[in-house]
Amino acid sequence: MDLLPRVVRQKDAPKYCGVNTNYFNRHIRPHLREIRYGPQMVGFDRIDIDKWIVDFKDNSGRLGYGKEEENKPCRRIPKSQGSSCEGKPGGLTSESMEREFAKAVKRAITMKPQHISSIK
């Protein structure tokens, strides 16, 4: 039976979290208590790292592809009014941004040459 060590060495902690060393040191490490084995050996409790990941996921995570649409807090409104999310200014979604981009491309294509020279 293979067991994961309870203490994750400093050099292995970023890989355990799935991030690079700079990200780990800047964003994760400040929230963890160091375990010092000697003058140069530093580690972190794996359970503390897992707890940080769970907290981060709960506060910043998103649902996976396909699940987001059914649990989205945005309400559907008529296309003529754009899209809106309650409590979120702007309320842009990728769908509304694609729609607006398509309109802008259509306007640019149908723009008469004399209008293009006046744009600066």
PDB file of N, CA and C in Angstrom:
ATOM      1  N   MET A   1       0.845  -1.179   0.000  1.00  0.00           N
ATOM      2  CA  MET A   1       0.000   0.000   0.000  1.00  0.00           C
ATOM      3  C   MET A   1       0.892   1.246   0.000  1.00  0.00           C
ATOM      4  N   ASP A   2       0.727   2.085  -1.017  1.00  0.00           N
ATOM      5  CA  ASP A   2       1.489   3.320  -1.083  1.00  0.00           C
ATOM      6  C   ASP A   2       0.757   4.411  -0.324  1.00  0.00           C
ATOM      7  N   LEU A   3       1.492   5.099   0.523  1.00  0.00           N
ATOM      8  CA  LEU A   3       0.921   6.193   1.293  1.00  0.00           C
ATOM      9  C   LEU A   3       1.523   7.509   0.839  1.00  0.00           C
ATOM     10  N   LEU A   4       0.702   8.541   0.773  1.00  0.00           N
ATOM     11  CA  LEU A   4       1.212   9.879   0.511  1.00  0.00           C
ATOM     12  C   LEU A   4       1.829  10.396   1.798  1.00  0.00           C
ATOM     13  N   PRO A   5       2.974  11.037   1.708  1.00  0.00           N
ATOM     14  CA  PRO A   5       3.550  11.597   2.937  1.00  0.00           C
ATOM     15  C   PRO A   5       2.671  12.732   3.459  1.00  0.00           C
ATOM     16  N   ARG A   6       2.594  12.858   4.764  1.00  0.00           N
ATOM     17  CA  ARG A   6       1.793  13.928   5.369  1.00  0.00           C
ATOM     18  C   ARG A   6       2.448  15.283   5.134  1.00  0.00           C
ATOM     19  N   VAL A   7       3.792  15.303   5.112  1.00  0.00           N
ATOM     20  CA  VAL A   7       4.516  16.549   4.901  1.00  0.00           C
ATOM     21  C   VAL A   7       5.027  16.589   3.467  1.00  0.00           C
ATOM     22  N   VAL A   8       4.683  17.659   2.771  1.00  0.00           N
ATOM     23  CA  VAL A   8       5.126  17.861   1.392  1.00  0.00           C
ATOM     24  C   VAL A   8       6.320  18.811   1.436  1.00  0.00           C
ATOM     25  N   ARG A   9       7.440  18.364   0.889  1.00  0.00           N
ATOM     26  CA  ARG A   9       8.638  19.197   0.900  1.00  0.00           C
ATOM     27  C   ARG A   9       8.419  20.465   0.076  1.00  0.00           C
ATOM     28  N   GLN A  10       9.128  21.518   0.454  1.00  0.00           N
ATOM     29  CA  GLN A  10       8.990  22.817  -0.205  1.00  0.00           C
ATOM     30  C   GLN A  10       9.176  22.701  -1.717  1.00  0.00           C
ATOM     31  N   LYS A  11      10.150  21.932  -2.163  1.00  0.00           N
ATOM     32  CA  LYS A  11      10.402  21.827  -3.604  1.00  0.00           C
ATOM     33  C   LYS A  11       9.309  21.046  -4.326  1.00  0.00           C
ATOM     34  N   ASP A  12       8.556  20.207  -3.605  1.00  0.00           N
ATOM     35  CA  ASP A  12       7.491  19.415  -4.226  1.00  0.00           C
ATOM     36  C   ASP A  12       6.106  20.051  -4.111  1.00  0.00           C
ATOM     37  N   ALA A  13       5.963  21.020  -3.229  1.00  0.00           N
ATOM     38  CA  ALA A  13       4.650  21.617  -2.970  1.00  0.00           C
ATOM     39  C   ALA A  13       4.017  22.268  -4.206  1.00  0.00           C
ATOM     40  N   PRO A  14       4.769  23.042  -5.003  1.00  0.00           N
ATOM     41  CA  PRO A  14       4.132  23.626  -6.195  1.00  0.00           C
ATOM     42  C   PRO A  14       3.589  22.555  -7.145  1.00  0.00           C
ATOM     43  N   LYS A  15       4.356  21.500  -7.350  1.00  0.00           N
ATOM     44  CA  LYS A  15       3.908  20.420  -8.243  1.00  0.00           C
ATOM     45  C   LYS A  15       2.674  19.722  -7.661  1.00  0.00           C
ATOM     46  N   TYR A  16       2.661  19.527  -6.360  1.00  0.00           N
ATOM     47  CA  TYR A  16       1.500  18.919  -5.701  1.00  0.00           C
ATOM     48  C   TYR A  16       0.247  19.754  -5.955  1.00  0.00           C
ATOM     49  N   CYS A  17       0.406  21.089  -5.947  1.00  0.00           N
ATOM     50  CA  CYS A  17      -0.721  21.996  -6.170  1.00  0.00           C
ATOM     51  C   CYS A  17      -1.030  22.187  -7.651  1.00  0.00           C
ATOM     52  N   GLY A  18      -0.119  21.767  -8.514  1.00  0.00           N
ATOM     53  CA  GLY A  18      -0.343  21.930  -9.947  1.00  0.00           C
ATOM     54  C   GLY A  18      -0.036  23.325 -10.447  1.00  0.00           C
ATOM     55  N   VAL A  19       0.868  24.027  -9.763  1.00  0.00           N
ATOM     56  CA  VAL A  19       1.231  25.386 -10.162  1.00  0.00           C
ATOM     57  C   VAL A  19       2.749  25.501 -10.230  1.00  0.00           C
ATOM     58  N   ASN A  20       3.238  26.619 -10.791  1.00  0.00           N
ATOM     59  CA  ASN A  20       4.686  26.817 -10.809  1.00  0.00           C
ATOM     60  C   ASN A  20       5.147  27.405  -9.473  1.00  0.00           C
ATOM     61  N   THR A  21       6.452  27.411  -9.270  1.00  0.00           N
ATOM     62  CA  THR A  21       7.023  27.856  -8.002  1.00  0.00           C
ATOM     63  C   THR A  21       6.676  29.300  -7.680  1.00  0.00           C
ATOM     64  N   ASN A  22       6.741  30.182  -8.677  1.00  0.00           N
ATOM     65  CA  ASN A  22       6.427  31.590  -8.429  1.00  0.00           C
ATOM     66  C   ASN A  22       4.991  31.774  -7.951  1.00  0.00           C
ATOM     67  N   TYR A  23       4.050  31.100  -8.607  1.00  0.00           N
ATOM     68  CA  TYR A  23       2.648  31.205  -8.204  1.00  0.00           C
ATOM     69  C   TYR A  23       2.476  30.668  -6.785  1.00  0.00           C
ATOM     70  N   PHE A  24       3.073  29.519  -6.519  1.00  0.00           N
ATOM     71  CA  PHE A  24       2.965  28.920  -5.186  1.00  0.00           C
ATOM     72  C   PHE A  24       3.485  29.882  -4.125  1.00  0.00           C
ATOM     73  N   ASN A  25       4.689  30.422  -4.343  1.00  0.00           N
ATOM     74  CA  ASN A  25       5.293  31.308  -3.348  1.00  0.00           C
ATOM     75  C   ASN A  25       4.496  32.595  -3.152  1.00  0.00           C
ATOM     76  N   ARG A  26       3.900  33.098  -4.207  1.00  0.00           N
ATOM     77  CA  ARG A  26       3.173  34.364  -4.137  1.00  0.00           C
ATOM     78  C   ARG A  26       1.760  34.204  -3.585  1.00  0.00           C
ATOM     79  N   HIS A  27       1.057  33.141  -3.976  1.00  0.00           N
ATOM     80  CA  HIS A  27      -0.372  33.051  -3.661  1.00  0.00           C
ATOM     81  C   HIS A  27      -0.746  31.983  -2.638  1.00  0.00           C
ATOM     82  N   ILE A  28      -0.005  30.909  -2.553  1.00  0.00           N
ATOM     83  CA  ILE A  28      -0.402  29.802  -1.680  1.00  0.00           C
ATOM     84  C   ILE A  28       0.424  29.756  -0.403  1.00  0.00           C
ATOM     85  N   ARG A  29       1.727  29.850  -0.546  1.00  0.00           N
ATOM     86  CA  ARG A  29       2.632  29.710   0.593  1.00  0.00           C
ATOM     87  C   ARG A  29       2.310  30.648   1.758  1.00  0.00           C
ATOM     88  N   PRO A  30       1.936  31.917   1.499  1.00  0.00           N
ATOM     89  CA  PRO A  30       1.637  32.803   2.636  1.00  0.00           C
ATOM     90  C   PRO A  30       0.495  32.301   3.523  1.00  0.00           C
ATOM     91  N   HIS A  31      -0.324  31.388   3.026  1.00  0.00           N
ATOM     92  CA  HIS A  31      -1.468  30.878   3.789  1.00  0.00           C
ATOM     93  C   HIS A  31      -1.160  29.569   4.504  1.00  0.00           C
ATOM     94  N   LEU A  32       0.058  29.084   4.373  1.00  0.00           N
ATOM     95  CA  LEU A  32       0.436  27.796   4.954  1.00  0.00           C
ATOM     96  C   LEU A  32       1.448  27.975   6.075  1.00  0.00           C
ATOM     97  N   ARG A  33       1.388  27.096   7.062  1.00  0.00           N
ATOM     98  CA  ARG A  33       2.370  27.095   8.145  1.00  0.00           C
ATOM     99  C   ARG A  33       3.524  26.192   7.729  1.00  0.00           C
ATOM    100  N   GLU A  34       4.732  26.725   7.814  1.00  0.00           N
ATOM    101  CA  GLU A  34       5.921  25.956   7.446  1.00  0.00           C
ATOM    102  C   GLU A  34       6.285  24.968   8.550  1.00  0.00           C
ATOM    103  N   ILE A  35       6.801  23.825   8.129  1.00  0.00           N
ATOM    104  CA  ILE A  35       7.340  22.833   9.056  1.00  0.00           C
ATOM    105  C   ILE A  35       8.831  22.770   8.772  1.00  0.00           C
ATOM    106  N   ARG A  36       9.647  23.157   9.752  1.00  0.00           N
ATOM    107  CA  ARG A  36      11.104  23.185   9.578  1.00  0.00           C
ATOM    108  C   ARG A  36      11.713  21.948  10.223  1.00  0.00           C
ATOM    109  N   TYR A  37      12.487  21.218   9.397  1.00  0.00           N
ATOM    110  CA  TYR A  37      13.172  20.021   9.877  1.00  0.00           C
ATOM    111  C   TYR A  37      14.593  20.332  10.315  1.00  0.00           C
ATOM    112  N   GLY A  38      15.099  21.409   9.913  1.00  0.00           N
ATOM    113  CA  GLY A  38      16.469  21.796  10.208  1.00  0.00           C
ATOM    114  C   GLY A  38      16.719  23.148   9.581  1.00  0.00           C
ATOM    115  N   PRO A  39      17.971  23.530   9.442  1.00  0.00           N
ATOM    116  CA  PRO A  39      18.261  24.857   8.915  1.00  0.00           C
ATOM    117  C   PRO A  39      17.827  25.048   7.457  1.00  0.00           C
ATOM    118  N   GLN A  40      17.759  23.973   6.677  1.00  0.00           N
ATOM    119  CA  GLN A  40      17.425  24.126   5.262  1.00  0.00           C
ATOM    120  C   GLN A  40      16.203  23.337   4.810  1.00  0.00           C
ATOM    121  N   MET A  41      15.715  22.429   5.620  1.00  0.00           N
ATOM    122  CA  MET A  41      14.591  21.605   5.193  1.00  0.00           C
ATOM    123  C   MET A  41      13.270  22.206   5.648  1.00  0.00           C
ATOM    124  N   VAL A  42      12.425  22.521   4.667  1.00  0.00           N
ATOM    125  CA  VAL A  42      11.117  23.121   4.934  1.00  0.00           C
ATOM    126  C   VAL A  42      10.061  22.285   4.229  1.00  0.00           C
ATOM    127  N   GLY A  43       8.934  22.098   4.882  1.00  0.00           N
ATOM    128  CA  GLY A  43       7.827  21.380   4.289  1.00  0.00           C
ATOM    129  C   GLY A  43       6.504  22.010   4.706  1.00  0.00           C
ATOM    130  N   PHE A  44       5.421  21.462   4.165  1.00  0.00           N
ATOM    131  CA  PHE A  44       4.079  21.950   4.473  1.00  0.00           C
ATOM    132  C   PHE A  44       3.172  20.757   4.710  1.00  0.00           C
ATOM    133  N   ASP A  45       2.246  20.893   5.629  1.00  0.00           N
ATOM    134  CA  ASP A  45       1.292  19.832   5.908  1.00  0.00           C
ATOM    135  C   ASP A  45       0.380  19.653   4.697  1.00  0.00           C
ATOM    136  N   ARG A  46       0.323  18.459   4.178  1.00  0.00           N
ATOM    137  CA  ARG A  46      -0.497  18.168   2.992  1.00  0.00           C
ATOM    138  C   ARG A  46      -1.963  18.501   3.237  1.00  0.00           C
ATOM    139  N   ILE A  47      -2.438  18.288   4.442  1.00  0.00           N
ATOM    140  CA  ILE A  47      -3.836  18.574   4.764  1.00  0.00           C
ATOM    141  C   ILE A  47      -4.095  20.085   4.713  1.00  0.00           C
ATOM    142  N   ASP A  48      -3.109  20.887   5.162  1.00  0.00           N
ATOM    143  CA  ASP A  48      -3.254  22.347   5.058  1.00  0.00           C
ATOM    144  C   ASP A  48      -3.301  22.787   3.598  1.00  0.00           C
ATOM    145  N   ILE A  49      -2.459  22.162   2.762  1.00  0.00           N
ATOM    146  CA  ILE A  49      -2.469  22.492   1.330  1.00  0.00           C
ATOM    147  C   ILE A  49      -3.822  22.120   0.726  1.00  0.00           C
ATOM    148  N   ASP A  50      -4.303  20.932   1.054  1.00  0.00           N
ATOM    149  CA  ASP A  50      -5.609  20.496   0.535  1.00  0.00           C
ATOM    150  C   ASP A  50      -6.724  21.434   0.995  1.00  0.00           C
ATOM    151  N   LYS A  51      -6.656  21.879   2.239  1.00  0.00           N
ATOM    152  CA  LYS A  51      -7.672  22.803   2.753  1.00  0.00           C
ATOM    153  C   LYS A  51      -7.618  24.125   1.984  1.00  0.00           C
ATOM    154  N   TRP A  52      -6.408  24.637   1.704  1.00  0.00           N
ATOM    155  CA  TRP A  52      -6.292  25.874   0.935  1.00  0.00           C
ATOM    156  C   TRP A  52      -6.925  25.696  -0.447  1.00  0.00           C
ATOM    157  N   ILE A  53      -6.661  24.552  -1.079  1.00  0.00           N
ATOM    158  CA  ILE A  53      -7.221  24.291  -2.410  1.00  0.00           C
ATOM    159  C   ILE A  53      -8.743  24.250  -2.360  1.00  0.00           C
ATOM    160  N   VAL A  54      -9.302  23.597  -1.360  1.00  0.00           N
ATOM    161  CA  VAL A  54     -10.767  23.527  -1.218  1.00  0.00           C
ATOM    162  C   VAL A  54     -11.337  24.921  -0.992  1.00  0.00           C
ATOM    163  N   ASP A  55     -10.703  25.710  -0.119  1.00  0.00           N
ATOM    164  CA  ASP A  55     -11.178  27.080   0.131  1.00  0.00           C
ATOM    165  C   ASP A  55     -11.107  27.918  -1.133  1.00  0.00           C
ATOM    166  N   PHE A  56     -10.004  27.801  -1.865  1.00  0.00           N
ATOM    167  CA  PHE A  56      -9.844  28.553  -3.104  1.00  0.00           C
ATOM    168  C   PHE A  56     -10.922  28.152  -4.116  1.00  0.00           C
ATOM    169  N   LYS A  57     -11.138  26.859  -4.244  1.00  0.00           N
ATOM    170  CA  LYS A  57     -12.158  26.357  -5.176  1.00  0.00           C
ATOM    171  C   LYS A  57     -13.540  26.862  -4.790  1.00  0.00           C
ATOM    172  N   ASP A  58     -13.862  26.808  -3.508  1.00  0.00           N
ATOM    173  CA  ASP A  58     -15.180  27.251  -3.059  1.00  0.00           C
ATOM    174  C   ASP A  58     -15.397  28.744  -3.278  1.00  0.00           C
ATOM    175  N   ASN A  59     -14.328  29.531  -3.186  1.00  0.00           N
ATOM    176  CA  ASN A  59     -14.454  30.978  -3.326  1.00  0.00           C
ATOM    177  C   ASN A  59     -14.213  31.480  -4.736  1.00  0.00           C
ATOM    178  N   SER A  60     -13.458  30.744  -5.544  1.00  0.00           N
ATOM    179  CA  SER A  60     -13.063  31.257  -6.855  1.00  0.00           C
ATOM    180  C   SER A  60     -13.347  30.303  -8.008  1.00  0.00           C
ATOM    181  N   GLY A  61     -13.688  29.097  -7.717  1.00  0.00           N
ATOM    182  CA  GLY A  61     -13.851  28.098  -8.765  1.00  0.00           C
ATOM    183  C   GLY A  61     -15.106  28.290  -9.586  1.00  0.00           C
ATOM    184  N   ARG A  62     -15.130  27.652 -10.742  1.00  0.00           N
ATOM    185  CA  ARG A  62     -16.293  27.656 -11.626  1.00  0.00           C
ATOM    186  C   ARG A  62     -16.679  26.218 -11.896  1.00  0.00           C
ATOM    187  N   LEU A  63     -17.906  26.023 -12.278  1.00  0.00           N
ATOM    188  CA  LEU A  63     -18.366  24.690 -12.642  1.00  0.00           C
ATOM    189  C   LEU A  63     -17.755  24.289 -13.976  1.00  0.00           C
ATOM    190  N   GLY A  64     -17.631  23.001 -14.193  1.00  0.00           N
ATOM    191  CA  GLY A  64     -17.038  22.499 -15.428  1.00  0.00           C
ATOM    192  C   GLY A  64     -17.881  22.804 -16.651  1.00  0.00           C
ATOM    193  N   TYR A  65     -17.312  22.584 -17.813  1.00  0.00           N
ATOM    194  CA  TYR A  65     -17.968  22.844 -19.086  1.00  0.00           C
ATOM    195  C   TYR A  65     -19.293  22.102 -19.142  1.00  0.00           C
ATOM    196  N   GLY A  66     -20.336  22.790 -19.544  1.00  0.00           N
ATOM    197  CA  GLY A  66     -21.653  22.167 -19.655  1.00  0.00           C
ATOM    198  C   GLY A  66     -22.482  22.319 -18.393  1.00  0.00           C
ATOM    199  N   LYS A  67     -21.864  22.417 -17.245  1.00  0.00           N
ATOM    200  CA  LYS A  67     -22.600  22.549 -15.989  1.00  0.00           C
ATOM    201  C   LYS A  67     -22.906  24.008 -15.695  1.00  0.00           C
ATOM    202  N   GLU A  68     -22.082  24.900 -16.205  1.00  0.00           N
ATOM    203  CA  GLU A  68     -22.225  26.316 -15.912  1.00  0.00           C
ATOM    204  C   GLU A  68     -23.559  26.868 -16.413  1.00  0.00           C
ATOM    205  N   GLU A  69     -23.958  26.479 -17.600  1.00  0.00           N
ATOM    206  CA  GLU A  69     -25.163  27.022 -18.225  1.00  0.00           C
ATOM    207  C   GLU A  69     -26.400  26.719 -17.394  1.00  0.00           C
ATOM    208  N   GLU A  70     -26.504  25.494 -16.861  1.00  0.00           N
ATOM    209  CA  GLU A  70     -27.719  25.143 -16.125  1.00  0.00           C
ATOM    210  C   GLU A  70     -27.758  25.769 -14.733  1.00  0.00           C
ATOM    211  N   ASN A  71     -26.609  26.142 -14.172  1.00  0.00           N
ATOM    212  CA  ASN A  71     -26.565  26.734 -12.843  1.00  0.00           C
ATOM    213  C   ASN A  71     -26.229  28.214 -12.864  1.00  0.00           C
ATOM    214  N   LYS A  72     -26.244  28.815 -14.025  1.00  0.00           N
ATOM    215  CA  LYS A  72     -25.841  30.211 -14.193  1.00  0.00           C
ATOM    216  C   LYS A  72     -26.839  31.122 -13.481  1.00  0.00           C
ATOM    217  N   PRO A  73     -26.326  32.115 -12.701  1.00  0.00           N
ATOM    218  CA  PRO A  73     -27.238  33.017 -12.013  1.00  0.00           C
ATOM    219  C   PRO A  73     -27.813  34.081 -12.947  1.00  0.00           C
ATOM    220  N   CYS A  74     -27.398  34.081 -14.212  1.00  0.00           N
ATOM    221  CA  CYS A  74     -27.900  35.077 -15.158  1.00  0.00           C
ATOM    222  C   CYS A  74     -29.328  34.740 -15.556  1.00  0.00           C
ATOM    223  N   ARG A  75     -30.099  35.748 -15.774  1.00  0.00           N
ATOM    224  CA  ARG A  75     -31.461  35.514 -16.248  1.00  0.00           C
ATOM    225  C   ARG A  75     -31.519  35.853 -17.729  1.00  0.00           C
ATOM    226  N   ARG A  76     -32.332  35.139 -18.438  1.00  0.00           N
ATOM    227  CA  ARG A  76     -32.495  35.379 -19.876  1.00  0.00           C
ATOM    228  C   ARG A  76     -33.459  36.536 -20.088  1.00  0.00           C
ATOM    229  N   ILE A  77     -33.067  37.467 -20.961  1.00  0.00           N
ATOM    230  CA  ILE A  77     -33.943  38.570 -21.334  1.00  0.00           C
ATOM    231  C   ILE A  77     -33.913  38.688 -22.846  1.00  0.00           C
ATOM    232  N   PRO A  78     -34.839  39.413 -23.446  1.00  0.00           N
ATOM    233  CA  PRO A  78     -34.875  39.511 -24.903  1.00  0.00           C
ATOM    234  C   PRO A  78     -33.545  39.973 -25.490  1.00  0.00           C
ATOM    235  N   LYS A  79     -33.194  39.422 -26.668  1.00  0.00           N
ATOM    236  CA  LYS A  79     -31.930  39.736 -27.326  1.00  0.00           C
ATOM    237  C   LYS A  79     -31.777  41.225 -27.589  1.00  0.00           C
ATOM    238  N   SER A  80     -32.872  41.919 -27.845  1.00  0.00           N
ATOM    239  CA  SER A  80     -32.802  43.354 -28.140  1.00  0.00           C
ATOM    240  C   SER A  80     -32.269  44.155 -26.955  1.00  0.00           C
ATOM    241  N   GLN A  81     -32.378  43.606 -25.755  1.00  0.00           N
ATOM    242  CA  GLN A  81     -31.904  44.299 -24.565  1.00  0.00           C
ATOM    243  C   GLN A  81     -30.512  43.828 -24.139  1.00  0.00           C
ATOM    244  N   GLY A  82     -29.904  42.895 -24.858  1.00  0.00           N
ATOM    245  CA  GLY A  82     -28.607  42.346 -24.456  1.00  0.00           C
ATOM    246  C   GLY A  82     -28.819  41.296 -23.387  1.00  0.00           C
ATOM    247  N   SER A  83     -27.767  40.947 -22.682  1.00  0.00           N
ATOM    248  CA  SER A  83     -27.912  39.978 -21.604  1.00  0.00           C
ATOM    249  C   SER A  83     -27.624  40.661 -20.286  1.00  0.00           C
ATOM    250  N   SER A  84     -28.129  40.089 -19.233  1.00  0.00           N
ATOM    251  CA  SER A  84     -27.933  40.704 -17.932  1.00  0.00           C
ATOM    252  C   SER A  84     -27.777  39.635 -16.877  1.00  0.00           C
ATOM    253  N   CYS A  85     -26.938  39.909 -15.917  1.00  0.00           N
ATOM    254  CA  CYS A  85     -26.783  39.035 -14.762  1.00  0.00           C
ATOM    255  C   CYS A  85     -27.181  39.856 -13.550  1.00  0.00           C
ATOM    256  N   GLU A  86     -28.051  39.308 -12.719  1.00  0.00           N
ATOM    257  CA  GLU A  86     -28.488  40.043 -11.545  1.00  0.00           C
ATOM    258  C   GLU A  86     -27.296  40.283 -10.631  1.00  0.00           C
ATOM    259  N   GLY A  87     -27.135  41.517 -10.206  1.00  0.00           N
ATOM    260  CA  GLY A  87     -26.067  41.842  -9.276  1.00  0.00           C
ATOM    261  C   GLY A  87     -24.700  41.983  -9.913  1.00  0.00           C
ATOM    262  N   LYS A  88     -24.591  41.833 -11.213  1.00  0.00           N
ATOM    263  CA  LYS A  88     -23.302  41.955 -11.885  1.00  0.00           C
ATOM    264  C   LYS A  88     -23.388  43.051 -12.933  1.00  0.00           C
ATOM    265  N   PRO A  89     -22.660  44.155 -12.723  1.00  0.00           N
ATOM    266  CA  PRO A  89     -22.730  45.232 -13.705  1.00  0.00           C
ATOM    267  C   PRO A  89     -22.221  44.778 -15.062  1.00  0.00           C
ATOM    268  N   GLY A  90     -22.862  45.235 -16.104  1.00  0.00           N
ATOM    269  CA  GLY A  90     -22.443  44.879 -17.461  1.00  0.00           C
ATOM    270  C   GLY A  90     -23.095  43.612 -17.938  1.00  0.00           C
ATOM    271  N   GLY A  91     -23.034  42.571 -17.161  1.00  0.00           N
ATOM    272  CA  GLY A  91     -23.688  41.316 -17.483  1.00  0.00           C
ATOM    273  C   GLY A  91     -23.267  40.697 -18.791  1.00  0.00           C
ATOM    274  N   LEU A  92     -22.017  40.859 -19.207  1.00  0.00           N
ATOM    275  CA  LEU A  92     -21.587  40.287 -20.477  1.00  0.00           C
ATOM    276  C   LEU A  92     -21.371  38.789 -20.357  1.00  0.00           C
ATOM    277  N   THR A  93     -21.822  38.085 -21.366  1.00  0.00           N
ATOM    278  CA  THR A  93     -21.553  36.662 -21.462  1.00  0.00           C
ATOM    279  C   THR A  93     -20.808  36.437 -22.753  1.00  0.00           C
ATOM    280  N   SER A  94     -20.206  35.275 -22.918  1.00  0.00           N
ATOM    281  CA  SER A  94     -19.478  35.012 -24.157  1.00  0.00           C
ATOM    282  C   SER A  94     -20.442  35.038 -25.344  1.00  0.00           C
ATOM    283  N   GLU A  95     -21.686  34.621 -25.105  1.00  0.00           N
ATOM    284  CA  GLU A  95     -22.682  34.627 -26.176  1.00  0.00           C
ATOM    285  C   GLU A  95     -22.994  36.056 -26.623  1.00  0.00           C
ATOM    286  N   SER A  96     -23.168  36.962 -25.650  1.00  0.00           N
ATOM    287  CA  SER A  96     -23.481  38.348 -26.018  1.00  0.00           C
ATOM    288  C   SER A  96     -22.267  39.029 -26.640  1.00  0.00           C
ATOM    289  N   MET A  97     -21.064  38.697 -26.192  1.00  0.00           N
ATOM    290  CA  MET A  97     -19.864  39.285 -26.785  1.00  0.00           C
ATOM    291  C   MET A  97     -19.691  38.807 -28.222  1.00  0.00           C
ATOM    292  N   GLU A  98     -19.976  37.530 -28.480  1.00  0.00           N
ATOM    293  CA  GLU A  98     -19.899  37.014 -29.854  1.00  0.00           C
ATOM    294  C   GLU A  98     -20.908  37.718 -30.746  1.00  0.00           C
ATOM    295  N   ARG A  99     -22.102  37.942 -30.222  1.00  0.00           N
ATOM    296  CA  ARG A  99     -23.147  38.615 -30.974  1.00  0.00           C
ATOM    297  C   ARG A  99     -22.732  40.046 -31.305  1.00  0.00           C
ATOM    298  N   GLU A 100     -22.183  40.762 -30.309  1.00  0.00           N
ATOM    299  CA  GLU A 100     -21.742  42.134 -30.526  1.00  0.00           C
ATOM    300  C   GLU A 100     -20.572  42.186 -31.508  1.00  0.00           C
ATOM    301  N   PHE A 101     -19.671  41.223 -31.431  1.00  0.00           N
ATOM    302  CA  PHE A 101     -18.539  41.183 -32.361  1.00  0.00           C
ATOM    303  C   PHE A 101     -19.034  40.962 -33.784  1.00  0.00           C
ATOM    304  N   ALA A 102     -19.993  40.048 -33.954  1.00  0.00           N
ATOM    305  CA  ALA A 102     -20.543  39.783 -35.287  1.00  0.00           C
ATOM    306  C   ALA A 102     -21.199  41.044 -35.854  1.00  0.00           C
ATOM    307  N   LYS A 103     -21.899  41.808 -35.007  1.00  0.00           N
ATOM    308  CA  LYS A 103     -22.511  43.057 -35.465  1.00  0.00           C
ATOM    309  C   LYS A 103     -21.444  44.056 -35.903  1.00  0.00           C
ATOM    310  N   ALA A 104     -20.354  44.150 -35.129  1.00  0.00           N
ATOM    311  CA  ALA A 104     -19.279  45.092 -35.456  1.00  0.00           C
ATOM    312  C   ALA A 104     -18.606  44.722 -36.771  1.00  0.00           C
ATOM    313  N   VAL A 105     -18.403  43.430 -37.008  1.00  0.00           N
ATOM    314  CA  VAL A 105     -17.801  42.977 -38.258  1.00  0.00           C
ATOM    315  C   VAL A 105     -18.721  43.311 -39.419  1.00  0.00           C
ATOM    316  N   LYS A 106     -20.011  43.075 -39.252  1.00  0.00           N
ATOM    317  CA  LYS A 106     -20.976  43.370 -40.308  1.00  0.00           C
ATOM    318  C   LYS A 106     -20.986  44.865 -40.627  1.00  0.00           C
ATOM    319  N   ARG A 107     -20.945  45.706 -39.587  1.00  0.00           N
ATOM    320  CA  ARG A 107     -20.906  47.154 -39.810  1.00  0.00           C
ATOM    321  C   ARG A 107     -19.637  47.562 -40.543  1.00  0.00           C
ATOM    322  N   ALA A 108     -18.493  46.956 -40.166  1.00  0.00           N
ATOM    323  CA  ALA A 108     -17.215  47.299 -40.798  1.00  0.00           C
ATOM    324  C   ALA A 108     -17.196  46.884 -42.266  1.00  0.00           C
ATOM    325  N   ILE A 109     -17.786  45.737 -42.577  1.00  0.00           N
ATOM    326  CA  ILE A 109     -17.811  45.251 -43.961  1.00  0.00           C
ATOM    327  C   ILE A 109     -18.706  46.121 -44.830  1.00  0.00           C
ATOM    328  N   THR A 110     -19.832  46.542 -44.280  1.00  0.00           N
ATOM    329  CA  THR A 110     -20.789  47.323 -45.074  1.00  0.00           C
ATOM    330  C   THR A 110     -20.502  48.820 -45.038  1.00  0.00           C
ATOM    331  N   MET A 111     -19.472  49.228 -44.297  1.00  0.00           N
ATOM    332  CA  MET A 111     -19.133  50.650 -44.189  1.00  0.00           C
ATOM    333  C   MET A 111     -18.672  51.183 -45.548  1.00  0.00           C
ATOM    334  N   LYS A 112     -19.167  52.347 -45.900  1.00  0.00           N
ATOM    335  CA  LYS A 112     -18.786  52.967 -47.175  1.00  0.00           C
ATOM    336  C   LYS A 112     -17.380  53.533 -47.074  1.00  0.00           C
ATOM    337  N   PRO A 113     -16.617  53.541 -48.196  1.00  0.00           N
ATOM    338  CA  PRO A 113     -15.229  54.013 -48.147  1.00  0.00           C
ATOM    339  C   PRO A 113     -15.042  55.418 -47.580  1.00  0.00           C
ATOM    340  N   GLN A 114     -15.991  56.348 -47.818  1.00  0.00           N
ATOM    341  CA  GLN A 114     -15.799  57.702 -47.319  1.00  0.00           C
ATOM    342  C   GLN A 114     -15.833  57.755 -45.782  1.00  0.00           C
ATOM    343  N   HIS A 115     -16.523  56.801 -45.146  1.00  0.00           N
ATOM    344  CA  HIS A 115     -16.569  56.755 -43.704  1.00  0.00           C
ATOM    345  C   HIS A 115     -15.243  56.282 -43.105  1.00  0.00           C
ATOM    346  N   ILE A 116     -14.569  55.395 -43.800  1.00  0.00           N
ATOM    347  CA  ILE A 116     -13.330  54.844 -43.287  1.00  0.00           C
ATOM    348  C   ILE A 116     -12.270  55.930 -43.153  1.00  0.00           C
ATOM    349  N   SER A 117     -12.186  56.862 -44.101  1.00  0.00           N
ATOM    350  CA  SER A 117     -11.184  57.917 -44.034  1.00  0.00           C
ATOM    351  C   SER A 117     -11.423  58.883 -42.877  1.00  0.00           C
ATOM    352  N   SER A 118     -12.658  58.976 -42.414  1.00  0.00           N
ATOM    353  CA  SER A 118     -12.964  59.899 -41.314  1.00  0.00           C
ATOM    354  C   SER A 118     -12.693  59.289 -39.941  1.00  0.00           C
ATOM    355  N   ILE A 119     -12.410  57.975 -39.877  1.00  0.00           N
ATOM    356  CA  ILE A 119     -12.150  57.309 -38.590  1.00  0.00           C
ATOM    357  C   ILE A 119     -10.699  57.514 -38.221  1.00  0.00           C
ATOM    358  N   LYS A 120     -10.457  58.029 -37.035  1.00  0.00           N
ATOM    359  CA  LYS A 120      -9.075  58.227 -36.560  1.00  0.00           C
ATOM    360  C   LYS A 120      -8.959  57.909 -35.119  1.00  0.00           C
TER     361      LYS A 120
END
